[in-house]
Amino acid sequence: MCDGSMLVKLMPDSVNSMLTSVTSSFVASITCLNNNALTKLHDIFKFN
């Protein structure tokens, strides 16, 4: 899973704590979009 944890670990603690909620919501949005896209692709391939 690409959750950006490595990028967060490279940041200073102050920046990390400031961006934690933003990063979490961003990752959740991307994960949701990816799951929806995968579901649609799966449906398309089922029909073919």
Protein backbone atom coordinates (compact mmCIF):
# COMPACT_ATOMS: atom_id res chain seq x y z
CA MET A 1 0.00 0.00 0.00
CA CYS A 2 1.24 3.48 -0.86
CA ASP A 3 0.08 5.50 2.13
CA GLY A 4 2.75 8.18 2.13
CA SER A 5 4.12 6.99 5.47
CA MET A 6 7.72 7.14 4.23
CA LEU A 7 7.24 10.75 3.14
CA VAL A 8 5.73 11.65 6.51
CA LYS A 9 8.65 10.01 8.34
CA LEU A 10 11.08 12.30 6.50
CA MET A 11 9.31 15.43 7.79
CA PRO A 12 10.05 17.23 11.08
CA ASP A 13 7.67 16.36 13.92
CA SER A 14 6.02 19.80 13.85
CA VAL A 15 5.24 19.54 10.14
CA ASN A 16 4.27 15.90 10.57
CA SER A 17 1.75 16.67 13.32
CA MET A 18 0.39 19.60 11.30
CA LEU A 19 -0.17 17.50 8.17
CA THR A 20 -1.27 14.24 9.75
CA SER A 21 -5.02 14.87 9.45
CA VAL A 22 -4.69 16.34 5.95
CA THR A 23 -2.57 13.41 4.78
CA SER A 24 -4.96 10.90 6.33
CA SER A 25 -8.01 12.41 4.62
CA PHE A 26 -6.10 12.71 1.33
CA VAL A 27 -5.03 9.06 1.45
CA ALA A 28 -8.57 8.03 2.36
CA SER A 29 -9.93 9.95 -0.64
CA ILE A 30 -7.39 8.42 -3.03
CA THR A 31 -8.08 4.95 -1.65
CA CYS A 32 -11.82 5.45 -2.09
CA LEU A 33 -11.34 6.68 -5.67
CA ASN A 34 -9.04 3.76 -6.48
CA ASN A 35 -11.53 1.26 -5.04
CA ASN A 36 -14.35 2.77 -7.11
CA ALA A 37 -12.22 2.69 -10.27
CA LEU A 38 -11.21 -0.92 -9.64
CA THR A 39 -14.84 -1.89 -9.09
CA LYS A 40 -15.86 -0.26 -12.38
CA LEU A 41 -12.99 -1.94 -14.24
CA HIS A 42 -14.00 -5.28 -12.72
CA ASP A 43 -17.60 -4.74 -13.89
CA ILE A 44 -16.39 -3.85 -17.40
CA PHE A 45 -14.25 -6.97 -17.63
CA LYS A 46 -17.11 -9.12 -16.34
CA PHE A 47 -19.30 -7.93 -19.21
CA ASN A 48 -16.65 -8.66 -21.86
